[in-house]
C-alpha cells in the first residue's frame, strides 16, 4: 500500500472522486441513522460474535441548550436496518464530552461534564462499564482526577490512557491510565505539551499520537481559548506501560482542528485524524470568538515509521464535534456530530482508507 504525499494529493483527489467507489472514498455504507440526532456523544465500536457493533452514549440534542443534554444510549449491529435504544447511562443527568473505550470486550465510559441552567459546568468522575452481551451497566473505579474533553487510547486490550483534558476550570497535563483487568488507576509520564482539551489521539502498536485541541490562557483574569497546532508522539515502554518517551513532531498540514475523530489503522500503519473544526467553540457550535464554527471534511494520516504526514481522501460530508472515531475491521465510523450550520446530525459517516495507486 502506497499513500501519496500532500503535494500530489490535489490531482489524486480529483481522479478519486470521479472514479472511486463510495466505500473507497468514504460513505454511509449501509449504516442507518441514529434514532435521534446527537452530537458530542461518546462513541464506541467492536467486533462481537462475528459482527460489527456500534454504540453512542450521552451527548447533545438538536436544541443545543443545556436541557438538551441527554443520557440516551443507542446500539446497532451489522445487518440491522435500525439502531435500538439501550438502557440509558445510569447517571443523574446527561453529560457532554465523555469518552468511550473498549477493552476486553467491555465498553468503558469516562467522565464528561454536566451543565446547569445557569451555565455552571462540572467535570464528573464516573467510570461506567457497558456489557454488550447483556446490555447492562456496572460501575468501575472513579477517575482520580475527573476530566472531560480528554482523549483515550487502549493498549494491549487492557490499559486505557486518558490524555490531558479539562478539569473543572483548567486543562491538566495528566496521563491517567486505567487497568481494566484489575480495576485500578495509575499515573503515566505526564503529557509534555501545553495541556489541551478537545484534542485527538490515536495508538499504533505502542506509539501514541496526540494532536491539536485548545489551550487556555488567563490574562488580567480574562480567559482566552485558542487552538493548538502541536502534535506529540509518545512511545510507550515495552516493559512498563506507565513510561512514555514523548517528543514533539511536525504539525499536520493546514490549520489545527478541534474535536476531530482519530484512530489507529494498523493495516496501513497510519494514525488517522478526521473532520473537526478550525474554530474552537462552545458546546452549541458557536466559536469562542463569537463566530459560527464550520466543520471540515479533511482526513490526514501520520506514519510513525516514516515520521511523515499524508493527505487522504476527504470525508463524504464535513463533520465536527466528535468524541471518538471507532474503527472495526478497517472501517472508521463518525457517529452523529455536527454538520454545516452547526446542525446536529443523526447519520453515521463510514470511512475506509482503501488502496491508493502509485
Protein backbone atom coordinates (compact mmCIF):
# COMPACT_ATOMS: atom_id res chain seq x y z
CA UNK A 1 0.00 0.00 0.00
CA UNK A 2 1.34 3.36 -1.03
CA UNK A 3 -0.07 6.67 0.18
CA UNK A 4 0.60 9.81 -1.78
CA UNK A 5 2.28 12.73 -0.05
CA UNK A 6 0.45 16.01 0.41
CA UNK A 7 1.80 17.84 -2.64
CA UNK A 8 0.36 15.18 -5.02
CA UNK A 9 -2.99 14.86 -3.31
CA UNK A 10 -4.91 17.53 -5.24
CA UNK A 11 -4.59 15.72 -8.56
CA UNK A 12 -5.28 12.35 -7.00
CA UNK A 13 -8.41 13.62 -5.19
CA UNK A 14 -9.97 14.76 -8.46
CA UNK A 15 -9.38 11.37 -10.05
CA UNK A 16 -10.60 9.53 -6.97
CA UNK A 17 -13.82 11.48 -6.62
CA UNK A 18 -14.55 10.95 -10.29
CA UNK A 19 -13.89 7.23 -10.41
CA UNK A 20 -13.64 5.62 -6.98
CA UNK A 21 -16.34 3.54 -5.37
CA UNK A 22 -18.23 5.06 -2.39
CA UNK A 23 -16.62 2.58 0.01
CA UNK A 24 -13.14 3.68 -1.03
CA UNK A 25 -13.77 7.41 -0.77
CA UNK A 26 -15.83 7.12 2.41
CA UNK A 27 -19.61 6.83 2.63
CA UNK A 28 -22.62 5.96 4.72
CA UNK A 29 -22.10 2.34 3.64
CA UNK A 30 -25.37 0.86 4.88
CA UNK A 31 -25.33 2.10 8.48
CA UNK A 32 -28.75 3.61 9.30
CA UNK A 33 -29.16 6.92 11.13
CA UNK A 34 -29.49 7.10 14.89
CA UNK A 35 -32.99 7.23 16.40
CA UNK A 36 -32.28 10.85 17.37
CA UNK A 37 -29.70 13.37 16.27
CA UNK A 38 -26.87 13.75 18.76
CA UNK A 39 -23.50 15.46 18.96
CA UNK A 40 -20.60 15.49 21.42
CA UNK A 41 -21.53 11.89 22.20
CA UNK A 42 -19.18 9.13 23.32
CA UNK A 43 -18.86 6.58 20.51
CA UNK A 44 -17.62 3.01 20.57
CA UNK A 45 -17.39 0.05 18.23
CA UNK A 46 -16.26 -3.57 18.43
CA UNK A 47 -16.48 -6.94 16.76
CA UNK A 48 -18.92 -9.16 18.65
CA UNK A 49 -19.90 -12.71 17.64
CA UNK A 50 -18.59 -12.09 14.14
CA UNK A 51 -20.47 -8.85 13.51
CA UNK A 52 -19.73 -5.15 13.82
CA UNK A 53 -21.47 -3.38 16.69
CA UNK A 54 -21.60 0.39 17.15
CA UNK A 55 -22.67 2.40 20.18
CA UNK A 56 -23.49 6.01 21.08
CA UNK A 57 -23.75 7.30 24.64
CA UNK A 58 -24.81 10.67 26.09
CA UNK A 59 -24.35 13.92 24.15
CA UNK A 60 -26.28 16.94 22.91
CA UNK A 61 -29.64 17.02 21.13
CA UNK A 62 -30.86 19.26 18.33
CA UNK A 63 -31.87 22.18 20.56
CA UNK A 64 -28.25 22.62 21.66
CA UNK A 65 -29.28 24.03 25.03
CA UNK A 66 -28.32 22.78 28.49
CA UNK A 67 -31.66 20.95 28.80
CA UNK A 68 -30.98 19.10 25.52
CA UNK A 69 -28.07 17.19 27.03
CA UNK A 70 -29.07 13.54 27.16
CA UNK A 71 -28.44 10.26 28.99
CA UNK A 72 -29.54 8.25 25.95
CA UNK A 73 -27.67 5.18 24.73
CA UNK A 74 -28.08 3.51 21.34
CA UNK A 75 -26.69 0.38 19.72
CA UNK A 76 -26.52 -1.05 16.20
CA UNK A 77 -25.36 -4.40 14.91
CA UNK A 78 -24.24 -5.25 11.42
CA UNK A 79 -27.08 -6.16 9.09
CA UNK A 80 -29.78 -4.38 11.05
CA UNK A 81 -31.76 -1.58 9.39
CA UNK A 82 -32.15 0.39 12.61
CA UNK A 83 -30.49 1.30 15.89
CA UNK A 84 -32.05 0.21 19.18
CA UNK A 85 -32.42 2.29 22.30
CA UNK A 86 -30.45 0.81 25.17
CA UNK A 87 -30.79 1.36 28.93
CA UNK A 88 -29.81 5.00 29.49
CA UNK A 89 -26.46 5.81 31.03
CA UNK A 90 -27.01 5.45 34.82
CA UNK A 91 -26.08 8.97 35.89
CA UNK A 92 -28.40 11.61 37.40
CA UNK A 93 -28.24 13.88 34.37
CA UNK A 94 -26.81 13.95 30.87
CA UNK A 95 -23.17 14.52 30.08
CA UNK A 96 -21.14 16.21 27.38
CA UNK A 97 -17.56 15.42 26.34
CA UNK A 98 -17.48 11.93 27.83
CA UNK A 99 -15.27 9.42 26.06
CA UNK A 100 -15.66 5.69 25.49
CA UNK A 101 -13.04 2.98 25.09
CA UNK A 102 -13.23 -0.78 24.52
CA UNK A 103 -11.09 -3.28 26.43
CA UNK A 104 -11.65 -6.99 26.84
CA UNK A 105 -14.96 -6.85 25.01
CA UNK A 106 -16.38 -4.33 27.51
CA UNK A 107 -17.12 -0.67 26.81
CA UNK A 108 -15.86 1.82 29.39
CA UNK A 109 -17.36 5.29 29.64
CA UNK A 110 -15.28 8.01 31.28
CA UNK A 111 -16.34 11.28 32.86
CA UNK A 112 -17.69 14.19 30.90
CA UNK A 113 -19.32 17.32 32.28
CA UNK A 114 -22.75 18.48 33.32
CA UNK A 115 -24.29 21.86 32.50
CA UNK A 116 -26.72 23.57 34.88
CA UNK A 117 -29.45 26.03 33.94
CA UNK A 118 -27.19 28.92 34.98
CA UNK A 119 -24.41 27.62 32.72
CA UNK A 120 -22.28 26.19 35.53
CA UNK A 121 -20.24 23.21 34.33
CA UNK A 122 -18.88 20.37 36.46
CA UNK A 123 -16.37 17.70 35.40
CA UNK A 124 -17.60 14.31 36.59
CA UNK A 125 -15.50 11.36 37.87
CA UNK A 126 -17.72 8.38 36.98
CA UNK A 127 -16.35 5.36 35.14
CA UNK A 128 -19.06 3.02 33.89
CA UNK A 129 -18.91 -0.36 32.19
CA UNK A 130 -21.34 -1.45 29.50
CA UNK A 131 -21.50 -5.16 28.68
CA UNK A 132 -22.61 -5.77 25.06
CA UNK A 133 -23.50 -9.38 25.91
CA UNK A 134 -26.18 -8.42 28.45
CA UNK A 135 -26.69 -4.73 27.61
CA UNK A 136 -26.29 -3.86 31.28
CA UNK A 137 -24.31 -1.25 33.18
CA UNK A 138 -21.96 -1.55 36.13
CA UNK A 139 -19.66 0.83 37.99
CA UNK A 140 -15.86 0.85 37.86
CA UNK A 141 -13.36 2.75 39.98
CA UNK A 142 -13.79 6.51 39.52
CA UNK A 143 -11.12 8.68 37.94
CA UNK A 144 -8.54 10.09 40.37
CA UNK A 145 -8.83 13.46 38.60
CA UNK A 146 -12.14 13.94 36.78
CA UNK A 147 -11.62 15.10 33.19
CA UNK A 148 -13.80 15.83 30.20
CA UNK A 149 -12.92 16.50 26.57
CA UNK A 150 -9.98 14.17 27.07
CA UNK A 151 -8.54 11.71 24.53
CA UNK A 152 -8.42 7.95 25.07
CA UNK A 153 -6.45 5.06 23.58
CA UNK A 154 -6.24 1.38 24.57
CA UNK A 155 -3.05 -0.68 24.87
CA UNK A 156 -2.97 -4.49 24.88
CA UNK A 157 -6.77 -4.66 25.14
CA UNK A 158 -6.29 -3.76 28.81
CA UNK A 159 -4.76 -0.37 29.62
CA UNK A 160 -6.85 2.72 28.84
CA UNK A 161 -4.93 6.01 28.64
CA UNK A 162 -6.76 9.29 29.28
CA UNK A 163 -4.51 12.03 27.96
CA UNK A 164 -4.79 15.63 29.17
CA UNK A 165 -8.31 17.17 29.10
CA UNK A 166 -10.34 19.70 31.06
CA UNK A 167 -10.78 19.53 34.84
CA UNK A 168 -13.35 21.95 36.33
CA UNK A 169 -11.71 25.25 35.35
CA UNK A 170 -8.45 24.38 33.63
CA UNK A 171 -6.63 21.87 31.46
CA UNK A 172 -4.44 19.20 33.06
CA UNK A 173 -1.29 17.55 31.67
CA UNK A 174 -2.01 14.21 33.31
CA UNK A 175 -1.89 10.86 31.56
CA UNK A 176 -4.21 8.74 33.70
CA UNK A 177 -4.06 5.01 33.00
CA UNK A 178 -6.91 2.68 33.89
CA UNK A 179 -6.11 -1.03 34.19
CA UNK A 180 -9.37 -2.63 33.07
CA UNK A 181 -8.32 -6.08 34.28
CA UNK A 182 -7.51 -5.02 37.85
CA UNK A 183 -9.89 -2.03 38.11
CA UNK A 184 -7.22 0.39 39.26
CA UNK A 185 -5.66 3.68 38.22
CA UNK A 186 -2.06 4.84 37.86
CA UNK A 187 -0.29 7.90 36.50
CA UNK A 188 1.93 7.60 33.43
CA UNK A 189 4.58 10.03 32.23
CA UNK A 190 2.81 13.39 32.01
CA UNK A 191 1.85 14.98 28.71
CA UNK A 192 4.75 17.35 27.95
CA UNK A 193 2.96 19.93 25.83
CA UNK A 194 0.62 22.68 26.88
CA UNK A 195 -2.42 20.92 28.38
CA UNK A 196 -5.35 20.83 25.99
CA UNK A 197 -8.98 19.83 25.68
CA UNK A 198 -10.88 18.73 22.58
CA UNK A 199 -7.70 17.20 21.14
CA UNK A 200 -7.47 13.84 19.34
CA UNK A 201 -5.30 10.78 19.92
CA UNK A 202 -4.53 7.51 18.18
CA UNK A 203 -2.39 4.49 19.03
CA UNK A 204 -0.35 2.36 16.64
CA UNK A 205 1.39 -0.51 18.36
CA UNK A 206 2.98 1.22 21.34
CA UNK A 207 3.18 4.64 19.68
CA UNK A 208 0.79 7.40 20.77
CA UNK A 209 -0.08 10.36 18.55
CA UNK A 210 -1.78 13.37 20.16
CA UNK A 211 -2.73 16.42 18.09
CA UNK A 212 -4.37 19.82 18.30
CA UNK A 213 -7.08 20.80 20.80
CA UNK A 214 -7.47 24.03 22.75
CA UNK A 215 -5.16 25.73 25.22
CA UNK A 216 -6.27 28.11 27.95
CA UNK A 217 -4.53 31.37 28.76
CA UNK A 218 -5.52 33.80 31.50
CA UNK A 219 -4.60 37.48 31.27
CA UNK A 220 -5.94 40.06 33.67
CA UNK A 221 -8.45 37.48 34.89
CA UNK A 222 -9.79 37.08 31.37
CA UNK A 223 -9.77 33.56 29.95
CA UNK A 224 -8.84 33.03 26.34
CA UNK A 225 -9.27 29.78 24.40
CA UNK A 226 -7.00 29.27 21.41
CA UNK A 227 -6.39 26.38 19.02
CA UNK A 228 -3.14 24.46 19.42
CA UNK A 229 -1.26 23.16 16.39
CA UNK A 230 1.04 20.94 18.46
CA UNK A 231 1.36 17.24 17.70
CA UNK A 232 3.16 14.92 20.10
CA UNK A 233 4.43 11.39 19.72
CA UNK A 234 4.73 9.16 22.78
CA UNK A 235 6.46 5.78 22.64
CA UNK A 236 5.26 3.50 25.45
CA UNK A 237 7.98 1.47 27.10
CA UNK A 238 7.81 -2.24 26.25
CA UNK A 239 8.33 -3.29 29.87
CA UNK A 240 6.41 -0.58 31.69
CA UNK A 241 3.09 0.79 30.37
CA UNK A 242 3.47 3.86 32.61
CA UNK A 243 6.69 5.08 30.99
CA UNK A 244 6.20 7.16 27.86
CA UNK A 245 9.02 8.78 25.87
CA UNK A 246 7.45 11.91 24.42
CA UNK A 247 8.71 14.11 21.59
CA UNK A 248 7.11 16.78 19.50
CA UNK A 249 6.62 16.02 15.82
CA UNK A 250 5.74 18.19 12.85
CA UNK A 251 2.20 19.52 12.90
CA UNK A 252 -0.13 18.16 10.28
CA UNK A 253 -0.51 20.39 7.19
CA UNK A 254 -3.13 23.12 7.43
CA UNK A 255 -4.83 24.74 10.39
CA UNK A 256 -5.28 22.87 13.68
CA UNK A 257 -8.70 21.35 14.26
CA UNK A 258 -10.88 20.94 17.32
CA UNK A 259 -12.78 17.74 18.19
CA UNK A 260 -11.56 15.61 15.33
CA UNK A 261 -12.11 11.88 15.17
CA UNK A 262 -8.93 9.83 15.47
CA UNK A 263 -7.95 6.16 15.41
CA UNK A 264 -5.04 3.90 14.57
CA UNK A 265 -5.07 1.90 11.33
CA UNK A 266 -2.60 -0.95 11.81
CA UNK A 267 -3.20 -2.34 8.29
CA UNK A 268 -1.82 0.81 6.70
CA UNK A 269 0.49 1.83 9.59
CA UNK A 270 -1.40 5.13 9.87
CA UNK A 271 -2.82 7.24 12.66
CA UNK A 272 -5.91 8.87 11.14
CA UNK A 273 -7.31 12.28 12.08
CA UNK A 274 -10.64 13.22 10.50
CA UNK A 275 -13.06 16.14 10.47
CA UNK A 276 -13.22 18.67 13.29
CA UNK A 277 -13.36 22.46 13.09
CA UNK A 278 -10.65 25.07 12.69
CA UNK A 279 -12.54 27.40 15.03
CA UNK A 280 -12.80 26.16 18.66
CA UNK A 281 -16.31 26.52 20.03
CA UNK A 282 -18.63 26.07 22.97
CA UNK A 283 -20.95 23.07 23.03
CA UNK A 284 -23.57 24.82 20.88
CA UNK A 285 -21.16 25.10 17.93
CA UNK A 286 -20.57 28.85 18.28
CA UNK A 287 -16.91 29.79 18.39
CA UNK A 288 -15.30 31.28 21.45
CA UNK A 289 -14.63 34.24 19.13
CA UNK A 290 -18.39 34.69 18.57
CA UNK A 291 -18.32 33.29 15.03
CA UNK A 292 -20.13 30.13 13.93
CA UNK A 293 -17.74 27.19 13.63
CA UNK A 294 -17.56 25.25 10.38
CA UNK A 295 -16.98 21.51 10.05
CA UNK A 296 -14.10 20.14 8.00
CA UNK A 297 -14.04 17.16 5.61
CA UNK A 298 -10.28 16.82 5.92
CA UNK A 299 -8.61 13.48 6.69
CA UNK A 300 -4.90 13.16 7.38
CA UNK A 301 -2.68 10.29 8.37
CA UNK A 302 0.65 10.07 10.15
CA UNK A 303 3.05 7.16 9.67
CA UNK A 304 5.34 6.76 12.70
CA UNK A 305 7.76 4.53 10.82
CA UNK A 306 8.35 7.30 8.27
CA UNK A 307 7.74 10.23 10.62
CA UNK A 308 5.58 11.71 7.88
CA UNK A 309 2.10 13.16 7.29
CA UNK A 310 -0.13 12.25 4.36
CA UNK A 311 -3.26 13.84 2.96
CA UNK A 312 -6.05 11.29 2.46
CA UNK A 313 -9.36 11.38 0.57
CA UNK A 314 -11.83 13.65 2.39
CA UNK A 315 -14.91 12.64 4.31
CA UNK A 316 -18.07 12.48 2.17
CA UNK A 317 -19.57 15.13 4.48
CA UNK A 318 -17.83 17.82 6.54
CA UNK A 319 -18.25 16.89 10.20
CA UNK A 320 -17.19 18.12 13.64
CA UNK A 321 -17.84 17.68 17.35
CA UNK A 322 -16.67 14.11 17.71
CA UNK A 323 -15.56 12.37 20.89
CA UNK A 324 -14.14 9.33 19.19
CA UNK A 325 -13.93 7.51 15.87
CA UNK A 326 -14.39 3.76 16.35
CA UNK A 327 -12.53 1.51 13.92
CA UNK A 328 -13.82 -2.02 13.26
CA UNK A 329 -12.42 -4.29 10.53
CA UNK A 330 -10.78 -1.47 8.60
CA UNK A 331 -13.77 0.88 8.65
CA UNK A 332 -13.87 4.11 10.64
CA UNK A 333 -17.15 5.46 12.00
CA UNK A 334 -18.14 9.03 12.87
CA UNK A 335 -21.45 8.66 14.71
CA UNK A 336 -23.63 11.76 14.83
CA UNK A 337 -21.78 15.05 15.30
CA UNK A 338 -22.38 18.45 13.73
CA UNK A 339 -22.56 19.34 10.05
CA UNK A 340 -22.89 22.69 8.27
CA UNK A 341 -24.65 25.48 10.18
CA UNK A 342 -23.92 23.59 13.45
CA UNK A 343 -26.69 21.15 12.54
CA UNK A 344 -26.79 18.21 14.95
CA UNK A 345 -26.77 15.03 12.88
CA UNK A 346 -28.24 11.56 13.22
CA UNK A 347 -26.38 9.90 10.36
CA UNK A 348 -23.18 7.86 10.55
CA UNK A 349 -20.23 8.57 8.28
CA UNK A 350 -18.26 5.48 7.30
CA UNK A 351 -14.70 5.95 6.05
CA UNK A 352 -12.20 3.49 4.66
CA UNK A 353 -8.65 4.28 3.54
CA UNK A 354 -8.53 1.77 0.68
CA UNK A 355 -5.69 1.23 -1.75
CA UNK A 356 -4.11 4.30 -3.31
CA UNK A 357 -2.34 3.65 -6.64
CA UNK A 358 1.26 4.71 -7.13
